[in-house]
Amino acid sequence: MSDVAAQDAFLDELAGLGFVPVQRDRRGVLQLARTPNRFLTQWVHDDGVDVLFTWEFDLGEYVAERDWQIGAAETSLQVLYPQRDVRLPRDLEAVAAEIERVERQLAAVDLAEPER
């Protein structure tokens, strides 16, 4: 399989997980997004060699919807991110495993028992 065909196949596989192309940055890195719910966005930055996986959770909107607030209640600035993005091979199984790890970690957040 040619490099171009392999890249196209990988992008097709990402589409199967729900990732859609959003833009290319000025270096040509393709940025794809997946939104499993209205608060969580997962990103893959594909440079054709490997991928950078990251995510963001709209914490401000999440708490506002529950009639809570953080600080002065400026919801637009309250976004939860990982401290470090994860570099992965251009491999669907690696991306799927990282999605599962992140979603499992987010699902384990228990505000009533934060020490768990």
C-alpha atoms as a PDB file:
ATOM      1  CA  MET A   1       0.000   0.000   0.000  1.00  0.00           C
ATOM      2  CA  SER A   2       1.391   3.422  -0.905  1.00  0.00           C
ATOM      3  CA  ASP A   3       1.957   6.103   1.733  1.00  0.00           C
ATOM      4  CA  VAL A   4      -0.929   8.149   0.314  1.00  0.00           C
ATOM      5  CA  ALA A   5      -3.247   5.132   0.379  1.00  0.00           C
ATOM      6  CA  ALA A   6      -2.156   4.327   3.952  1.00  0.00           C
ATOM      7  CA  GLN A   7      -2.883   7.911   5.018  1.00  0.00           C
ATOM      8  CA  ASP A   8      -6.293   7.825   3.348  1.00  0.00           C
ATOM      9  CA  ALA A   9      -7.070   4.469   4.998  1.00  0.00           C
ATOM     10  CA  PHE A  10      -6.117   5.838   8.420  1.00  0.00           C
ATOM     11  CA  LEU A  11      -8.323   8.894   7.909  1.00  0.00           C
ATOM     12  CA  ASP A  12     -11.189   6.616   6.842  1.00  0.00           C
ATOM     13  CA  GLU A  13     -10.679   4.580  10.020  1.00  0.00           C
ATOM     14  CA  LEU A  14     -10.735   7.752  12.138  1.00  0.00           C
ATOM     15  CA  ALA A  15     -13.967   8.754  10.399  1.00  0.00           C
ATOM     16  CA  GLY A  16     -15.385   5.406  11.506  1.00  0.00           C
ATOM     17  CA  LEU A  17     -14.710   6.494  15.106  1.00  0.00           C
ATOM     18  CA  GLY A  18     -16.525   9.776  14.474  1.00  0.00           C
ATOM     19  CA  PHE A  19     -13.573  12.087  13.761  1.00  0.00           C
ATOM     20  CA  VAL A  20     -14.147  14.778  11.156  1.00  0.00           C
ATOM     21  CA  PRO A  21     -11.492  17.004   9.574  1.00  0.00           C
ATOM     22  CA  VAL A  22     -11.641  20.550  10.920  1.00  0.00           C
ATOM     23  CA  GLN A  23      -8.612  22.301   9.433  1.00  0.00           C
ATOM     24  CA  ARG A  24      -4.950  22.123   8.523  1.00  0.00           C
ATOM     25  CA  ASP A  25      -2.580  24.307  10.490  1.00  0.00           C
ATOM     26  CA  ARG A  26       0.108  26.397   8.812  1.00  0.00           C
ATOM     27  CA  ARG A  27       2.549  23.450   8.960  1.00  0.00           C
ATOM     28  CA  GLY A  28       0.076  21.206   7.148  1.00  0.00           C
ATOM     29  CA  VAL A  29      -0.954  19.167  10.205  1.00  0.00           C
ATOM     30  CA  LEU A  30      -4.525  17.930   9.791  1.00  0.00           C
ATOM     31  CA  GLN A  31      -6.713  18.523  12.836  1.00  0.00           C
ATOM     32  CA  LEU A  32      -9.679  16.220  13.305  1.00  0.00           C
ATOM     33  CA  ALA A  33     -12.350  16.435  16.000  1.00  0.00           C
ATOM     34  CA  ARG A  34     -14.748  13.963  17.591  1.00  0.00           C
ATOM     35  CA  THR A  35     -17.577  15.099  19.881  1.00  0.00           C
ATOM     36  CA  PRO A  36     -18.990  12.123  21.793  1.00  0.00           C
ATOM     37  CA  ASN A  37     -21.220  14.528  23.752  1.00  0.00           C
ATOM     38  CA  ARG A  38     -21.908  18.262  23.738  1.00  0.00           C
ATOM     39  CA  PHE A  39     -19.283  18.973  26.426  1.00  0.00           C
ATOM     40  CA  LEU A  40     -16.369  16.756  25.316  1.00  0.00           C
ATOM     41  CA  THR A  41     -14.296  17.236  22.172  1.00  0.00           C
ATOM     42  CA  GLN A  42     -11.436  14.888  21.356  1.00  0.00           C
ATOM     43  CA  TRP A  43      -8.761  15.997  18.896  1.00  0.00           C
ATOM     44  CA  VAL A  44      -6.315  14.155  16.673  1.00  0.00           C
ATOM     45  CA  HIS A  45      -3.544  16.216  15.074  1.00  0.00           C
ATOM     46  CA  ASP A  46      -2.167  14.136  12.199  1.00  0.00           C
ATOM     47  CA  ASP A  47       1.158  15.143  10.661  1.00  0.00           C
ATOM     48  CA  GLY A  48       1.339  12.023   8.485  1.00  0.00           C
ATOM     49  CA  VAL A  49       4.007  10.392  10.682  1.00  0.00           C
ATOM     50  CA  ASP A  50       2.274  10.085  14.035  1.00  0.00           C
ATOM     51  CA  VAL A  51      -0.661  11.747  15.794  1.00  0.00           C
ATOM     52  CA  LEU A  52      -1.095  13.965  18.804  1.00  0.00           C
ATOM     53  CA  PHE A  53      -4.233  13.164  20.811  1.00  0.00           C
ATOM     54  CA  THR A  54      -5.806  15.685  23.136  1.00  0.00           C
ATOM     55  CA  TRP A  55      -9.235  16.614  24.442  1.00  0.00           C
ATOM     56  CA  GLU A  56     -11.218  19.446  25.998  1.00  0.00           C
ATOM     57  CA  PHE A  57     -14.253  19.387  28.247  1.00  0.00           C
ATOM     58  CA  ASP A  58     -16.497  22.454  28.434  1.00  0.00           C
ATOM     59  CA  LEU A  59     -16.678  22.494  32.214  1.00  0.00           C
ATOM     60  CA  GLY A  60     -18.288  25.939  32.375  1.00  0.00           C
ATOM     61  CA  GLU A  61     -21.262  24.886  30.272  1.00  0.00           C
ATOM     62  CA  TYR A  62     -21.481  21.558  32.084  1.00  0.00           C
ATOM     63  CA  VAL A  63     -21.802  23.175  35.530  1.00  0.00           C
ATOM     64  CA  ALA A  64     -24.049  26.015  34.287  1.00  0.00           C
ATOM     65  CA  GLU A  65     -26.494  23.460  32.920  1.00  0.00           C
ATOM     66  CA  ARG A  66     -26.733  22.051  36.449  1.00  0.00           C
ATOM     67  CA  ASP A  67     -27.266  25.502  37.998  1.00  0.00           C
ATOM     68  CA  TRP A  68     -23.782  25.478  39.524  1.00  0.00           C
ATOM     69  CA  GLN A  69     -21.012  27.964  38.956  1.00  0.00           C
ATOM     70  CA  ILE A  70     -17.260  28.186  39.125  1.00  0.00           C
ATOM     71  CA  GLY A  71     -15.833  31.401  40.526  1.00  0.00           C
ATOM     72  CA  ALA A  72     -17.529  34.436  39.014  1.00  0.00           C
ATOM     73  CA  ALA A  73     -19.673  32.225  36.743  1.00  0.00           C
ATOM     74  CA  GLU A  74     -17.870  33.137  33.499  1.00  0.00           C
ATOM     75  CA  THR A  75     -18.702  29.875  31.743  1.00  0.00           C
ATOM     76  CA  SER A  76     -16.945  30.603  28.448  1.00  0.00           C
ATOM     77  CA  LEU A  77     -13.490  30.467  30.036  1.00  0.00           C
ATOM     78  CA  GLN A  78     -13.916  27.274  32.051  1.00  0.00           C
ATOM     79  CA  VAL A  79     -12.500  24.482  29.898  1.00  0.00           C
ATOM     80  CA  LEU A  80     -10.849  21.350  31.268  1.00  0.00           C
ATOM     81  CA  TYR A  81      -7.792  20.059  29.370  1.00  0.00           C
ATOM     82  CA  PRO A  82      -5.203  17.370  30.064  1.00  0.00           C
ATOM     83  CA  GLN A  83      -1.860  18.640  31.357  1.00  0.00           C
ATOM     84  CA  ARG A  84      -0.102  16.713  28.606  1.00  0.00           C
ATOM     85  CA  ASP A  85      -1.210  15.653  25.152  1.00  0.00           C
ATOM     86  CA  VAL A  86      -0.390  12.105  24.059  1.00  0.00           C
ATOM     87  CA  ARG A  87       1.708  11.266  20.998  1.00  0.00           C
ATOM     88  CA  LEU A  88       0.553   8.040  19.331  1.00  0.00           C
ATOM     89  CA  PRO A  89       1.436   6.040  16.241  1.00  0.00           C
ATOM     90  CA  ARG A  90      -0.872   6.474  13.251  1.00  0.00           C
ATOM     91  CA  ASP A  91      -2.786   3.395  14.321  1.00  0.00           C
ATOM     92  CA  LEU A  92      -6.521   3.109  14.870  1.00  0.00           C
ATOM     93  CA  GLU A  93      -6.128   0.737  17.814  1.00  0.00           C
ATOM     94  CA  ALA A  94      -3.800   3.198  19.586  1.00  0.00           C
ATOM     95  CA  VAL A  95      -6.277   6.056  19.085  1.00  0.00           C
ATOM     96  CA  ALA A  96      -9.227   3.898  20.203  1.00  0.00           C
ATOM     97  CA  ALA A  97      -7.327   2.795  23.316  1.00  0.00           C
ATOM     98  CA  GLU A  98      -6.572   6.420  24.211  1.00  0.00           C
ATOM     99  CA  ILE A  99     -10.221   7.393  23.720  1.00  0.00           C
ATOM    100  CA  GLU A 100     -11.227   4.559  26.040  1.00  0.00           C
ATOM    101  CA  ARG A 101      -8.618   5.556  28.648  1.00  0.00           C
ATOM    102  CA  VAL A 102      -9.714   9.209  28.653  1.00  0.00           C
ATOM    103  CA  GLU A 103     -13.422   8.395  28.783  1.00  0.00           C
ATOM    104  CA  ARG A 104     -12.876   5.888  31.582  1.00  0.00           C
ATOM    105  CA  GLN A 105     -10.911   8.513  33.535  1.00  0.00           C
ATOM    106  CA  LEU A 106     -13.624  11.149  33.027  1.00  0.00           C
ATOM    107  CA  ALA A 107     -16.377   8.689  33.968  1.00  0.00           C
ATOM    108  CA  ALA A 108     -14.554   7.923  37.228  1.00  0.00           C
ATOM    109  CA  VAL A 109     -14.837  11.533  38.456  1.00  0.00           C
ATOM    110  CA  ASP A 110     -17.060  11.355  41.509  1.00  0.00           C
ATOM    111  CA  LEU A 111     -17.622  14.748  43.146  1.00  0.00           C
ATOM    112  CA  ALA A 112     -19.303  13.134  46.156  1.00  0.00           C
ATOM    113  CA  GLU A 113     -16.259  10.892  46.750  1.00  0.00           C
ATOM    114  CA  PRO A 114     -13.317  12.855  45.288  1.00  0.00           C
ATOM    115  CA  GLU A 115     -10.688  10.797  47.145  1.00  0.00           C
ATOM    116  CA  ARG A 116     -11.419   7.698  45.060  1.00  0.00           C
END
